[in-house]
């Protein structure tokens, strides 16, 4: 919606050159050098299978399909969406001739029974991998259904529900299975948000200011004196606010006004590194996770093209939430060095934690920039796996002649699904239950052009979006990739793009995805825009205020600070908040709001 066409006519090459040179920060979009490394050419495979089916050579077609399923590949389905090969085969298997399905079932049944015989015990993850490897085998599905029955009898309702629903997605047509699923739905907790009290904006009053331990930033390049956004943000969990700075994590108890500081080993971090980056924190019952720039070796820190460029390398520090003691770095867990070797890596955002398993993104820097979905067992202190899902050119880190840290977006969890925005041109949905990628979708990036055509130095795209977490509304995943001029909406189940909305349409100059209210999403810039999450329909456009940081949820809407004051966003419009005069990233919890600036956190309390 509102996207300008970016194809140029081949008959006018001089016009293209002039446009490129004169408008180096133009709003053109492209895929740049995006690749999906696990992708295979599904067209060739399907064409080969179709040719063998027309020749009625079903045995050869069955062998090719079975061989293709041996690798965990992603195949392109449509213009911008990729699916696992096993899922694509399940979706098209009904179109196969009956003889071919029978041969595939016979071939895979024999191999699946042999694999089941070699398995020791009934490990759920091994059974899932077996089902993905042999989707035409009945024995693998039966073994997985038996495991679900065992989980249900043991009282693990969520696991049983996840397995039953997964079996239905795999094409299992069983009336009793559907009945079990319906029965389990009544035992699961509702997805609806609980009625946790939220602060009332009109009664917010200052309660306390807290000093934050931050290291002074040493900047090798010029930065404007007025920040375009704030770099420190807060999270609310277990009745406390957690704030990640560039040298520590601060815990604030709003009721007792007590403050605790979680310090990582100070000789291992480089807090003075300059960056356009927003620090976040992940909190669970046992652990607190926060990223810091780590000091490894000078050779590892001074990387990039050209040689004087610097790309900060981050790792995530894991703390004990109860004692505030530092436990370990994620890059030092068992299996991490074996998986990534001497490749330059960075864990920019803290993973989300399910139980004791942390799921997040790891980037590596080679001749390209690569994005992995990784899982860590925090209790055992080991890397479980790391699967690559997209790759792009290393020039994406360049901003004029100084390399910059690539933009990052924190992963979010929606039920059992993990969503990762790479900011390299692709978004991925990962199933934490089956531990497999369900889909990868491409999006359009700002095009990289050269400000100086006689040199080899490209100029980095100008960011239009501020740092904000994606949201899921009505089974629609909405995100603002920092390297794109659009806000995108993807279907949670299929990964297909439902709609997109350009940031500069209507002169809105949108900068921030503030959040969701009901089934609508709100975006803020010079104007405030309300869109229907399902359809992308523009519901209203009101006056706005150039935002400076993340929004917080209130009793009646969302609160966001800007250059010209503070706004409260509601379903029907926008209201000013003259009683909130502080600027920064906002976070709310119960009747409290914390405003996090560069050096302090201001705690506000609602009196109602």
Protein backbone atom coordinates (compact mmCIF):
# COMPACT_ATOMS: atom_id res chain seq x y z
CA UNK A 1 0.00 0.00 0.00
CA UNK A 2 1.43 3.32 -0.99
CA UNK A 3 4.61 1.72 -2.35
CA UNK A 4 6.26 3.53 -5.22
CA UNK A 5 7.38 1.31 -8.11
CA UNK A 6 11.12 0.84 -8.17
CA UNK A 7 11.68 -0.70 -11.56
CA UNK A 8 13.53 1.58 -13.98
CA UNK A 9 13.25 1.34 -17.71
CA UNK A 10 16.19 -0.25 -19.50
CA UNK A 11 15.81 2.36 -22.24
CA UNK A 12 16.85 5.22 -19.91
CA UNK A 13 20.19 4.27 -18.32
CA UNK A 14 21.40 7.89 -17.97
CA UNK A 15 18.30 8.84 -15.96
CA UNK A 16 18.96 5.97 -13.60
CA UNK A 17 22.57 7.10 -13.02
CA UNK A 18 21.57 10.70 -12.38
CA UNK A 19 18.87 9.64 -9.93
CA UNK A 20 21.25 7.36 -8.06
CA UNK A 21 23.96 9.98 -7.66
CA UNK A 22 21.73 12.92 -6.77
CA UNK A 23 19.46 11.10 -4.34
CA UNK A 24 21.77 8.84 -2.39
CA UNK A 25 19.23 8.64 0.42
CA UNK A 26 16.29 8.07 -1.91
CA UNK A 27 13.38 5.97 -0.76
CA UNK A 28 13.88 3.24 -3.35
CA UNK A 29 13.54 -0.33 -2.11
CA UNK A 30 15.08 -3.65 -3.10
CA UNK A 31 16.21 -7.04 -1.82
CA UNK A 32 19.86 -5.91 -2.06
CA UNK A 33 21.94 -9.10 -1.72
CA UNK A 34 19.54 -11.15 0.42
CA UNK A 35 19.78 -14.93 0.17
CA UNK A 36 18.01 -17.73 2.06
CA UNK A 37 20.87 -20.25 2.52
CA UNK A 38 18.78 -23.32 3.35
CA UNK A 39 16.57 -22.77 0.29
CA UNK A 40 16.57 -25.26 -2.55
CA UNK A 41 15.24 -24.84 -6.05
CA UNK A 42 11.80 -26.35 -5.51
CA UNK A 43 10.80 -25.63 -9.11
CA UNK A 44 13.37 -28.08 -10.46
CA UNK A 45 12.33 -30.78 -7.99
CA UNK A 46 8.60 -30.36 -8.66
CA UNK A 47 9.14 -30.24 -12.43
CA UNK A 48 11.18 -33.42 -12.24
CA UNK A 49 8.47 -35.12 -10.18
CA UNK A 50 5.73 -33.93 -12.57
CA UNK A 51 7.65 -35.31 -15.54
CA UNK A 52 8.03 -38.71 -13.86
CA UNK A 53 4.33 -38.73 -12.91
CA UNK A 54 3.35 -38.04 -16.53
CA UNK A 55 5.57 -40.96 -17.54
CA UNK A 56 3.90 -43.01 -14.75
CA UNK A 57 7.35 -43.74 -13.35
CA UNK A 58 6.08 -43.58 -9.76
CA UNK A 59 8.95 -45.55 -8.26
CA UNK A 60 11.56 -43.02 -9.44
CA UNK A 61 9.37 -40.12 -8.28
CA UNK A 62 9.07 -41.71 -4.82
CA UNK A 63 12.86 -42.10 -4.58
CA UNK A 64 13.44 -38.42 -5.51
CA UNK A 65 10.90 -37.19 -2.93
CA UNK A 66 12.32 -39.44 -0.22
CA UNK A 67 15.88 -38.30 -1.00
CA UNK A 68 14.86 -34.62 -0.93
CA UNK A 69 13.33 -35.07 2.53
CA UNK A 70 16.66 -36.21 3.98
CA UNK A 71 17.85 -32.59 4.34
CA UNK A 72 16.05 -29.92 6.43
CA UNK A 73 15.61 -27.59 3.45
CA UNK A 74 13.40 -24.57 2.93
CA UNK A 75 11.63 -24.33 -0.41
CA UNK A 76 10.25 -21.22 -2.06
CA UNK A 77 6.47 -21.15 -2.29
CA UNK A 78 5.25 -17.96 -3.90
CA UNK A 79 7.22 -14.79 -4.52
CA UNK A 80 8.59 -14.08 -1.04
CA UNK A 81 7.72 -16.99 1.27
CA UNK A 82 9.68 -20.15 2.12
CA UNK A 83 8.45 -23.31 3.84
CA UNK A 84 10.14 -26.51 5.09
CA UNK A 85 10.16 -29.17 2.41
CA UNK A 86 8.27 -31.67 4.60
CA UNK A 87 5.45 -29.18 5.15
CA UNK A 88 5.24 -28.36 1.45
CA UNK A 89 5.07 -32.07 0.59
CA UNK A 90 2.24 -32.57 3.07
CA UNK A 91 0.31 -29.71 1.48
CA UNK A 92 0.61 -31.06 -2.06
CA UNK A 93 0.51 -34.81 -1.37
CA UNK A 94 -3.24 -35.02 -2.05
CA UNK A 95 -2.49 -34.01 -5.64
CA UNK A 96 -0.19 -37.02 -6.07
CA UNK A 97 -1.58 -40.13 -7.83
CA UNK A 98 -2.74 -42.85 -5.46
CA UNK A 99 0.00 -45.23 -6.65
CA UNK A 100 2.70 -42.68 -5.88
CA UNK A 101 1.31 -42.09 -2.39
CA UNK A 102 1.22 -45.84 -1.80
CA UNK A 103 4.86 -46.24 -2.93
CA UNK A 104 5.97 -43.33 -0.73
CA UNK A 105 4.10 -44.80 2.22
CA UNK A 106 5.66 -48.22 1.67
CA UNK A 107 9.17 -46.81 1.22
CA UNK A 108 9.01 -44.50 4.22
CA UNK A 109 7.19 -46.99 6.44
CA UNK A 110 10.05 -49.44 6.21
CA UNK A 111 12.69 -46.79 6.97
CA UNK A 112 10.60 -45.27 9.78
CA UNK A 113 10.18 -48.64 11.51
CA UNK A 114 13.93 -49.21 11.36
CA UNK A 115 14.54 -45.75 12.84
CA UNK A 116 11.98 -46.38 15.60
CA UNK A 117 13.68 -49.66 16.44
CA UNK A 118 17.02 -47.90 16.87
CA UNK A 119 15.59 -45.20 19.16
CA UNK A 120 16.20 -45.56 22.85
CA UNK A 121 13.07 -44.43 24.67
CA UNK A 122 10.39 -42.15 23.28
CA UNK A 123 12.02 -38.72 23.15
CA UNK A 124 9.50 -36.19 21.82
CA UNK A 125 12.06 -34.22 19.80
CA UNK A 126 13.41 -37.36 18.14
CA UNK A 127 9.88 -38.44 17.27
CA UNK A 128 9.15 -35.03 15.74
CA UNK A 129 12.28 -35.18 13.61
CA UNK A 130 11.20 -38.67 12.56
CA UNK A 131 7.76 -37.42 11.51
CA UNK A 132 9.32 -34.56 9.51
CA UNK A 133 11.71 -36.98 7.83
CA UNK A 134 8.97 -39.52 7.03
CA UNK A 135 5.74 -37.52 6.58
CA UNK A 136 4.14 -40.36 4.56
CA UNK A 137 4.74 -42.95 7.28
CA UNK A 138 1.86 -43.99 9.55
CA UNK A 139 4.17 -45.58 12.15
CA UNK A 140 5.96 -42.31 12.95
CA UNK A 141 2.66 -40.50 13.47
CA UNK A 142 1.32 -43.32 15.64
CA UNK A 143 4.44 -43.23 17.82
CA UNK A 144 4.08 -39.45 18.20
CA UNK A 145 0.40 -39.79 19.09
CA UNK A 146 1.30 -42.40 21.70
CA UNK A 147 3.83 -39.97 23.18
CA UNK A 148 1.08 -37.33 23.36
CA UNK A 149 -1.14 -39.77 25.25
CA UNK A 150 1.68 -40.39 27.72
CA UNK A 151 2.16 -36.63 28.18
CA UNK A 152 -1.56 -36.17 28.81
CA UNK A 153 -1.66 -38.98 31.38
CA UNK A 154 1.35 -37.40 33.12
CA UNK A 155 -0.57 -34.11 33.42
CA UNK A 156 1.43 -32.16 30.82
CA UNK A 157 -1.62 -30.68 29.13
CA UNK A 158 0.22 -28.06 27.05
CA UNK A 159 2.66 -30.61 25.59
CA UNK A 160 -0.17 -33.02 24.75
CA UNK A 161 -2.18 -30.24 23.10
CA UNK A 162 0.86 -29.11 21.09
CA UNK A 163 1.51 -32.66 19.80
CA UNK A 164 -2.14 -33.31 18.88
CA UNK A 165 -2.42 -30.00 17.01
CA UNK A 166 0.90 -30.72 15.28
CA UNK A 167 -0.39 -34.13 14.15
CA UNK A 168 -3.46 -32.50 12.64
CA UNK A 169 -1.20 -30.09 10.74
CA UNK A 170 0.72 -33.10 9.45
CA UNK A 171 -2.47 -34.35 7.82
CA UNK A 172 -3.60 -36.93 10.38
CA UNK A 173 -7.36 -37.47 9.85
CA UNK A 174 -8.56 -39.01 13.07
CA UNK A 175 -11.92 -38.22 14.66
CA UNK A 176 -10.70 -39.28 18.10
CA UNK A 177 -7.66 -37.03 17.72
CA UNK A 178 -9.91 -34.03 17.08
CA UNK A 179 -12.02 -34.93 20.10
CA UNK A 180 -8.91 -35.08 22.29
CA UNK A 181 -7.85 -31.68 21.01
CA UNK A 182 -11.23 -30.12 21.80
CA UNK A 183 -11.19 -31.65 25.28
CA UNK A 184 -7.70 -30.26 25.96
CA UNK A 185 -8.69 -26.77 24.82
CA UNK A 186 -10.95 -26.44 27.86
CA UNK A 187 -8.00 -27.21 30.17
CA UNK A 188 -5.58 -24.71 28.65
CA UNK A 189 -5.31 -21.16 30.04
CA UNK A 190 -6.91 -18.49 27.89
CA UNK A 191 -4.69 -16.47 25.52
CA UNK A 192 -6.50 -13.33 26.50
CA UNK A 193 -4.55 -10.88 28.61
CA UNK A 194 -5.37 -10.93 32.30
CA UNK A 195 -7.05 -7.95 33.91
CA UNK A 196 -3.85 -6.53 35.39
CA UNK A 197 -4.41 -2.96 36.59
CA UNK A 198 -2.82 -0.29 34.40
CA UNK A 199 -1.85 3.25 35.36
CA UNK A 200 -4.26 6.12 34.81
CA UNK A 201 -2.42 8.82 32.88
CA UNK A 202 -4.15 11.85 34.40
CA UNK A 203 -3.14 10.87 37.94
CA UNK A 204 0.53 10.02 37.27
CA UNK A 205 2.86 11.72 39.72
CA UNK A 206 6.61 11.65 40.27
CA UNK A 207 7.67 9.16 42.96
CA UNK A 208 11.44 8.74 42.69
CA UNK A 209 14.42 9.29 40.38
CA UNK A 210 17.02 6.53 40.10
CA UNK A 211 20.59 6.97 38.89
CA UNK A 212 21.66 4.43 36.25
CA UNK A 213 25.23 3.08 36.04
CA UNK A 214 26.15 3.92 32.43
CA UNK A 215 29.58 4.40 30.92
CA UNK A 216 30.26 7.65 29.09
CA UNK A 217 30.13 7.09 25.37
CA UNK A 218 33.25 7.93 23.33
CA UNK A 219 32.15 8.81 19.80
CA UNK A 220 34.58 8.77 16.86
CA UNK A 221 31.97 10.47 14.67
CA UNK A 222 29.63 13.43 15.01
CA UNK A 223 26.28 12.91 16.68
CA UNK A 224 23.55 15.56 17.09
CA UNK A 225 23.27 16.99 20.62
CA UNK A 226 19.56 16.12 20.75
CA UNK A 227 19.05 12.34 20.58
CA UNK A 228 16.69 11.00 17.98
CA UNK A 229 15.81 8.17 20.33
CA UNK A 230 16.84 6.84 23.73
CA UNK A 231 19.11 3.82 24.04
CA UNK A 232 18.03 2.29 27.37
CA UNK A 233 14.74 0.47 27.87
CA UNK A 234 12.93 -1.34 30.69
CA UNK A 235 10.95 -4.54 31.17
CA UNK A 236 8.40 -5.30 33.89
CA UNK A 237 8.34 -8.76 35.46
CA UNK A 238 7.70 -10.21 38.92
CA UNK A 239 6.49 -6.81 40.20
CA UNK A 240 9.80 -5.16 39.36
CA UNK A 241 11.31 -3.06 36.60
CA UNK A 242 14.53 -4.28 34.94
CA UNK A 243 16.66 -1.79 32.99
CA UNK A 244 19.65 -2.81 30.86
CA UNK A 245 22.42 -0.23 30.52
CA UNK A 246 25.72 -0.61 28.66
CA UNK A 247 27.51 -1.73 31.86
CA UNK A 248 24.91 -3.37 34.17
CA UNK A 249 21.29 -4.36 34.75
CA UNK A 250 19.27 -2.36 37.30
CA UNK A 251 16.32 -3.83 39.19
CA UNK A 252 13.83 -1.37 40.73
CA UNK A 253 11.12 -2.40 43.18
CA UNK A 254 8.44 0.29 42.77
CA UNK A 255 6.74 -0.52 46.09
CA UNK A 256 9.80 -0.52 48.37
CA UNK A 257 11.86 1.86 46.15
CA UNK A 258 14.85 -0.46 46.55
CA UNK A 259 17.40 -0.81 43.75
CA UNK A 260 19.67 -3.75 42.95
CA UNK A 261 22.42 -3.77 40.34
CA UNK A 262 23.47 -6.87 38.38
CA UNK A 263 27.10 -6.36 37.30
CA UNK A 264 28.78 -8.55 34.67
CA UNK A 265 32.58 -8.98 34.93
CA UNK A 266 33.72 -5.42 34.25
CA UNK A 267 37.01 -6.54 32.70
CA UNK A 268 35.04 -8.43 30.03
CA UNK A 269 32.87 -5.62 28.68
CA UNK A 270 33.45 -2.49 26.64
CA UNK A 271 30.83 -0.05 27.86
CA UNK A 272 32.29 2.99 26.09
CA UNK A 273 31.59 1.77 22.56
CA UNK A 274 29.33 4.05 20.56
CA UNK A 275 26.32 2.51 18.88
CA UNK A 276 22.86 3.19 17.46
CA UNK A 277 21.35 0.42 19.48
CA UNK A 278 18.67 -0.01 22.16
CA UNK A 279 19.55 -2.23 25.13
CA UNK A 280 16.86 -4.65 26.29
CA UNK A 281 16.58 -7.28 29.00
CA UNK A 282 14.88 -10.70 29.21
CA UNK A 283 13.58 -11.92 32.56
CA UNK A 284 12.27 -15.33 33.66
CA UNK A 285 11.72 -17.01 37.01
CA UNK A 286 15.37 -18.06 37.49
CA UNK A 287 17.42 -15.90 35.13
CA UNK A 288 17.98 -12.35 33.94
CA UNK A 289 19.60 -11.98 30.50
CA UNK A 290 21.08 -8.79 29.02
CA UNK A 291 23.53 -8.08 26.14
CA UNK A 292 26.85 -6.25 26.52
CA UNK A 293 29.70 -5.40 24.16
CA UNK A 294 32.37 -7.95 25.05
CA UNK A 295 36.12 -7.51 25.01
CA UNK A 296 37.66 -10.51 23.32
CA UNK A 297 40.82 -9.56 21.46
CA UNK A 298 41.77 -6.44 19.53
CA UNK A 299 41.73 -8.45 16.34
CA UNK A 300 38.19 -9.65 17.04
CA UNK A 301 36.95 -6.19 17.94
CA UNK A 302 38.46 -4.19 15.08
CA UNK A 303 36.67 -5.87 12.21
CA UNK A 304 34.88 -4.67 9.14
CA UNK A 305 35.48 -3.23 5.71
CA UNK A 306 37.44 -0.96 5.47
CA UNK A 307 40.05 -1.90 8.05
CA UNK A 308 39.49 1.06 10.37
CA UNK A 309 35.81 0.19 10.73
CA UNK A 310 34.56 -1.25 14.01
CA UNK A 311 31.61 -3.58 14.50
CA UNK A 312 30.80 -4.12 18.19
CA UNK A 313 30.49 -7.77 19.16
CA UNK A 314 27.89 -8.54 21.81
CA UNK A 315 27.28 -11.45 24.09
CA UNK A 316 24.49 -12.03 26.59
CA UNK A 317 25.25 -12.16 30.31
CA UNK A 318 23.13 -14.56 32.37
CA UNK A 319 22.41 -13.59 36.00
CA UNK A 320 20.66 -15.35 38.87
CA UNK A 321 17.49 -13.33 39.42
CA UNK A 322 17.22 -14.06 43.14
CA UNK A 323 20.82 -13.38 44.17
CA UNK A 324 21.80 -10.87 41.41
CA UNK A 325 25.00 -12.87 40.83
CA UNK A 326 26.59 -13.20 37.41
CA UNK A 327 26.54 -16.82 36.19
CA UNK A 328 28.02 -17.08 32.68
CA UNK A 329 28.24 -15.65 29.15
CA UNK A 330 26.21 -17.29 26.40
CA UNK A 331 29.23 -17.41 24.08
CA UNK A 332 31.08 -19.54 26.64
CA UNK A 333 28.50 -22.31 26.95
CA UNK A 334 29.32 -25.82 25.78
CA UNK A 335 29.06 -26.26 22.01
CA UNK A 336 29.14 -22.58 21.04
CA UNK A 337 32.76 -22.50 19.93
CA UNK A 338 32.38 -25.86 18.17
CA UNK A 339 29.38 -24.52 16.23
CA UNK A 340 30.76 -21.11 15.21
CA UNK A 341 34.51 -21.68 15.41
CA UNK A 342 36.56 -18.56 14.69
CA UNK A 343 33.77 -16.81 12.81
CA UNK A 344 32.96 -13.34 14.13
CA UNK A 345 29.61 -13.48 15.91
CA UNK A 346 27.29 -11.20 17.90
CA UNK A 347 24.23 -11.85 20.09
CA UNK A 348 22.59 -8.45 19.87
CA UNK A 349 19.36 -9.05 21.79
CA UNK A 350 18.64 -11.28 24.80
CA UNK A 351 16.81 -14.51 23.94
CA UNK A 352 13.32 -15.26 25.21
CA UNK A 353 13.20 -18.03 27.80
CA UNK A 354 10.75 -20.96 27.91
CA UNK A 355 11.42 -23.00 31.03
CA UNK A 356 15.20 -23.21 31.00
CA UNK A 357 15.54 -23.01 27.20
CA UNK A 358 16.47 -19.64 25.69
CA UNK A 359 15.57 -18.96 22.03
CA UNK A 360 17.13 -16.05 20.19
CA UNK A 361 19.14 -14.75 17.24
CA UNK A 362 22.88 -14.95 16.62
CA UNK A 363 24.51 -12.96 13.81
CA UNK A 364 27.82 -13.88 12.21
CA UNK A 365 30.04 -11.62 10.10
CA UNK A 366 31.93 -13.22 7.21
CA UNK A 367 31.95 -11.96 3.64
CA UNK A 368 28.20 -11.76 4.29
CA UNK A 369 26.12 -11.15 7.39
CA UNK A 370 24.24 -14.25 8.51
CA UNK A 371 21.29 -14.60 10.87
CA UNK A 372 20.78 -17.78 12.93
CA UNK A 373 17.99 -18.94 15.20
CA UNK A 374 19.71 -20.50 18.21
CA UNK A 375 18.56 -22.30 21.36
CA UNK A 376 20.51 -22.46 24.63
CA UNK A 377 19.91 -24.74 27.60
CA UNK A 378 20.55 -22.34 30.49
CA UNK A 379 20.43 -25.03 33.17
CA UNK A 380 22.94 -27.28 31.41
CA UNK A 381 24.89 -24.30 30.00
CA UNK A 382 25.09 -25.60 26.45
CA UNK A 383 24.10 -24.64 22.91
CA UNK A 384 21.37 -26.94 21.65
CA UNK A 385 21.37 -25.87 17.99
CA UNK A 386 21.82 -22.92 15.65
CA UNK A 387 20.02 -22.85 12.29
CA UNK A 388 20.73 -20.22 9.65
CA UNK A 389 17.72 -18.67 7.93
CA UNK A 390 19.00 -15.67 5.96
CA UNK A 391 22.16 -13.97 4.75
CA UNK A 392 23.00 -10.55 3.32
CA UNK A 393 26.03 -8.52 2.27
CA UNK A 394 28.43 -7.21 4.86
CA UNK A 395 28.12 -3.75 3.32
CA UNK A 396 24.87 -3.43 5.27
CA UNK A 397 26.97 -2.48 8.31
CA UNK A 398 28.61 0.47 6.59
CA UNK A 399 27.58 4.01 7.29
CA UNK A 400 29.73 6.22 5.09
CA UNK A 401 33.34 5.23 5.99
CA UNK A 402 32.70 3.89 9.51
CA UNK A 403 31.16 0.46 10.02
CA UNK A 404 28.13 0.45 12.26
CA UNK A 405 26.52 -2.27 14.28
CA UNK A 406 23.62 -3.69 12.24
CA UNK A 407 20.16 -2.79 13.55
CA UNK A 408 18.51 -5.35 15.80
CA UNK A 409 14.98 -6.21 16.89
CA UNK A 410 14.26 -8.36 19.96
CA UNK A 411 12.65 -11.75 19.25
CA UNK A 412 9.12 -12.20 20.58
CA UNK A 413 7.19 -15.29 21.63
CA UNK A 414 3.54 -15.88 20.77
CA UNK A 415 2.37 -19.13 22.29
CA UNK A 416 4.77 -21.74 20.95
CA UNK A 417 5.95 -19.58 18.03
CA UNK A 418 9.10 -17.48 18.06
CA UNK A 419 9.34 -14.56 15.62
CA UNK A 420 12.74 -13.21 14.57
CA UNK A 421 13.18 -10.05 12.48
CA UNK A 422 16.67 -10.19 10.99
CA UNK A 423 16.80 -6.57 9.69
CA UNK A 424 18.63 -8.17 6.76
CA UNK A 425 15.57 -8.52 4.53
CA UNK A 426 13.76 -11.52 6.06
CA UNK A 427 11.44 -12.51 8.93
CA UNK A 428 11.26 -16.04 10.35
CA UNK A 429 8.70 -17.98 12.38
CA UNK A 430 10.14 -20.78 14.53
CA UNK A 431 8.16 -23.50 16.32
CA UNK A 432 9.72 -23.92 19.78
CA UNK A 433 7.88 -27.20 20.24
CA UNK A 434 9.10 -29.02 17.13
CA UNK A 435 12.27 -26.85 17.05
CA UNK A 436 11.93 -26.20 13.35
CA UNK A 437 11.44 -23.17 11.11
CA UNK A 438 7.84 -22.95 9.93
CA UNK A 439 8.31 -20.18 7.39
CA UNK A 440 10.61 -17.39 6.24
CA UNK A 441 9.29 -14.31 4.44
CA UNK A 442 11.21 -11.63 2.59
CA UNK A 443 10.52 -7.91 2.78
CA UNK A 444 11.84 -4.93 0.83
CA UNK A 445 14.77 -2.95 2.20
CA UNK A 446 16.05 0.53 1.57
CA UNK A 447 18.31 0.33 -1.44
CA UNK A 448 22.02 0.91 -0.81
CA UNK A 449 23.54 3.39 -3.23
CA UNK A 450 26.88 5.14 -3.33
CA UNK A 451 27.19 8.78 -2.38
CA UNK A 452 30.59 8.86 -4.10
CA UNK A 453 30.37 6.85 -7.36
CA UNK A 454 34.16 6.95 -7.92
CA UNK A 455 34.79 5.01 -4.67
CA UNK A 456 33.89 1.55 -3.47
CA UNK A 457 32.24 2.78 -0.28
CA UNK A 458 28.46 2.45 -0.20
CA UNK A 459 26.40 4.70 2.05
CA UNK A 460 24.15 3.16 4.65
CA UNK A 461 20.41 3.63 4.35
CA UNK A 462 18.86 6.25 6.57
CA UNK A 463 16.71 4.65 9.27
CA UNK A 464 13.12 5.85 9.47
CA UNK A 465 11.89 3.50 12.25
CA UNK A 466 12.83 3.78 15.91
CA UNK A 467 13.48 0.71 18.00
CA UNK A 468 10.19 -1.06 18.84
CA UNK A 469 9.09 -4.60 19.57
CA UNK A 470 6.85 -6.39 17.05
CA UNK A 471 3.28 -7.26 18.07
CA UNK A 472 0.88 -10.09 17.27
CA UNK A 473 -2.77 -9.06 16.87
CA UNK A 474 -5.54 -11.44 15.86
CA UNK A 475 -2.98 -13.97 14.50
CA UNK A 476 -1.28 -11.25 12.45
CA UNK A 477 2.41 -10.51 13.08
CA UNK A 478 3.09 -6.77 12.69
CA UNK A 479 6.64 -5.41 12.58
CA UNK A 480 8.66 -2.40 11.45
CA UNK A 481 12.01 -3.74 10.13
CA UNK A 482 14.53 -0.97 10.77
CA UNK A 483 16.06 -1.40 7.31
CA UNK A 484 12.74 -0.98 5.46
CA UNK A 485 10.46 2.00 4.78
CA UNK A 486 7.33 -0.09 5.44
CA UNK A 487 5.40 -1.53 8.36
CA UNK A 488 4.59 -5.15 7.48
CA UNK A 489 1.86 -7.57 8.52
CA UNK A 490 2.38 -11.33 8.09
CA UNK A 491 -0.04 -14.19 8.64
CA UNK A 492 1.14 -16.17 11.68
CA UNK A 493 0.14 -19.54 10.20
CA UNK A 494 1.38 -19.17 6.61
CA UNK A 495 3.92 -16.31 6.67
CA UNK A 496 2.21 -14.60 3.73
CA UNK A 497 2.33 -10.82 3.74
CA UNK A 498 -1.18 -9.49 4.42
CA UNK A 499 -0.42 -5.81 3.93
CA UNK A 500 2.25 -3.14 4.19
CA UNK A 501 2.08 0.58 4.90
CA UNK A 502 4.73 3.09 3.91
CA UNK A 503 6.15 5.34 6.65
CA UNK A 504 5.89 8.60 4.71
CA UNK A 505 2.41 8.19 3.27
CA UNK A 506 -0.05 11.04 3.96
CA UNK A 507 2.94 13.09 5.12
CA UNK A 508 2.81 11.18 8.40
CA UNK A 509 6.58 10.56 8.65
CA UNK A 510 5.87 7.54 10.87
CA UNK A 511 8.70 6.53 13.22
CA UNK A 512 7.35 4.19 15.91
CA UNK A 513 5.15 1.10 16.16
CA UNK A 514 3.57 2.12 19.47
CA UNK A 515 1.58 -1.10 20.01
CA UNK A 516 -1.91 -2.48 19.66
CA UNK A 517 -5.31 -1.53 21.05
CA UNK A 518 -7.93 -4.20 20.54
CA UNK A 519 -7.56 -5.42 16.96
CA UNK A 520 -5.85 -2.24 15.74
CA UNK A 521 -2.22 -1.13 15.59
CA UNK A 522 -1.02 2.43 16.24
CA UNK A 523 1.96 4.13 14.59
CA UNK A 524 3.36 7.52 15.60
CA UNK A 525 5.29 10.18 13.74
CA UNK A 526 4.37 13.70 12.73
CA UNK A 527 0.92 12.19 12.56
CA UNK A 528 -0.64 9.29 14.45
CA UNK A 529 -2.11 6.52 12.32
CA UNK A 530 -4.50 3.73 13.37
CA UNK A 531 -4.67 0.63 11.14
CA UNK A 532 -6.75 -2.52 11.30
CA UNK A 533 -4.30 -5.35 11.99
CA UNK A 534 -6.16 -7.88 9.86
CA UNK A 535 -6.67 -5.82 6.71
CA UNK A 536 -4.30 -2.85 7.03
CA UNK A 537 -7.26 -0.51 6.49
CA UNK A 538 -6.60 3.06 7.59
CA UNK A 539 -9.11 3.82 10.36
CA UNK A 540 -8.02 7.33 11.26
CA UNK A 541 -5.13 9.77 11.03
CA UNK A 542 -4.67 12.41 13.73
CA UNK A 543 -2.05 14.91 14.86
CA UNK A 544 1.18 13.41 16.17
CA UNK A 545 4.51 14.22 17.73
CA UNK A 546 7.96 13.03 16.64
CA UNK A 547 8.49 10.12 19.09
CA UNK A 548 11.67 9.57 21.09
CA UNK A 549 11.21 6.10 22.51
CA UNK A 550 9.08 3.05 23.18
CA UNK A 551 5.46 3.39 24.34
CA UNK A 552 3.85 2.09 27.54
CA UNK A 553 0.37 0.66 28.05
CA UNK A 554 -2.04 2.63 30.21
CA UNK A 555 -5.61 2.15 31.40
CA UNK A 556 -7.13 3.81 28.35
CA UNK A 557 -4.47 3.40 25.67
CA UNK A 558 -0.75 3.90 25.05
CA UNK A 559 1.64 6.57 26.32
CA UNK A 560 4.58 7.85 24.24
CA UNK A 561 7.03 10.74 24.68
CA UNK A 562 8.04 13.06 21.86
CA UNK A 563 9.94 16.21 21.01
CA UNK A 564 6.94 18.40 21.75
CA UNK A 565 5.56 16.66 24.84
CA UNK A 566 3.82 13.43 25.79
CA UNK A 567 0.84 11.89 24.01
CA UNK A 568 -1.75 9.35 25.10
CA UNK A 569 -3.00 7.27 22.18
CA UNK A 570 -6.54 5.95 22.38
CA UNK A 571 -8.78 3.94 20.09
CA UNK A 572 -10.54 7.06 18.88
CA UNK A 573 -7.76 9.62 18.85
CA UNK A 574 -4.84 11.39 20.57
CA UNK A 575 -4.65 13.42 23.77
CA UNK A 576 -1.83 15.46 25.28
CA UNK A 577 -0.44 14.65 28.75
CA UNK A 578 0.97 17.84 30.29
CA UNK A 579 1.51 16.13 33.67
CA UNK A 580 4.17 13.78 32.17
CA UNK A 581 7.15 16.00 31.34
CA UNK A 582 9.92 13.43 31.18
CA UNK A 583 11.40 11.98 27.99
CA UNK A 584 12.68 8.49 27.29
CA UNK A 585 11.64 4.90 26.69
CA UNK A 586 8.50 4.05 28.65
CA UNK A 587 7.43 0.88 30.43
CA UNK A 588 4.37 0.31 32.62
CA UNK A 589 3.47 -2.26 35.25
CA UNK A 590 0.39 -2.27 37.46
CA UNK A 591 -0.07 1.37 38.57
CA UNK A 592 3.51 2.42 37.79
CA UNK A 593 5.28 3.91 34.76
CA UNK A 594 9.05 4.22 34.44
CA UNK A 595 10.66 6.70 32.02
CA UNK A 596 14.20 5.64 31.09
CA UNK A 597 16.55 8.27 29.69
CA UNK A 598 20.30 8.00 29.09
CA UNK A 599 21.41 8.44 32.71
CA UNK A 600 18.37 8.06 34.96
CA UNK A 601 15.07 6.28 35.42
CA UNK A 602 12.06 8.27 36.60
CA UNK A 603 9.37 6.31 38.46
CA UNK A 604 5.81 7.64 38.17
CA UNK A 605 2.86 6.35 40.19
CA UNK A 606 -0.82 6.55 39.40
CA UNK A 607 -2.85 7.73 42.38
CA UNK A 608 -6.07 6.12 41.17
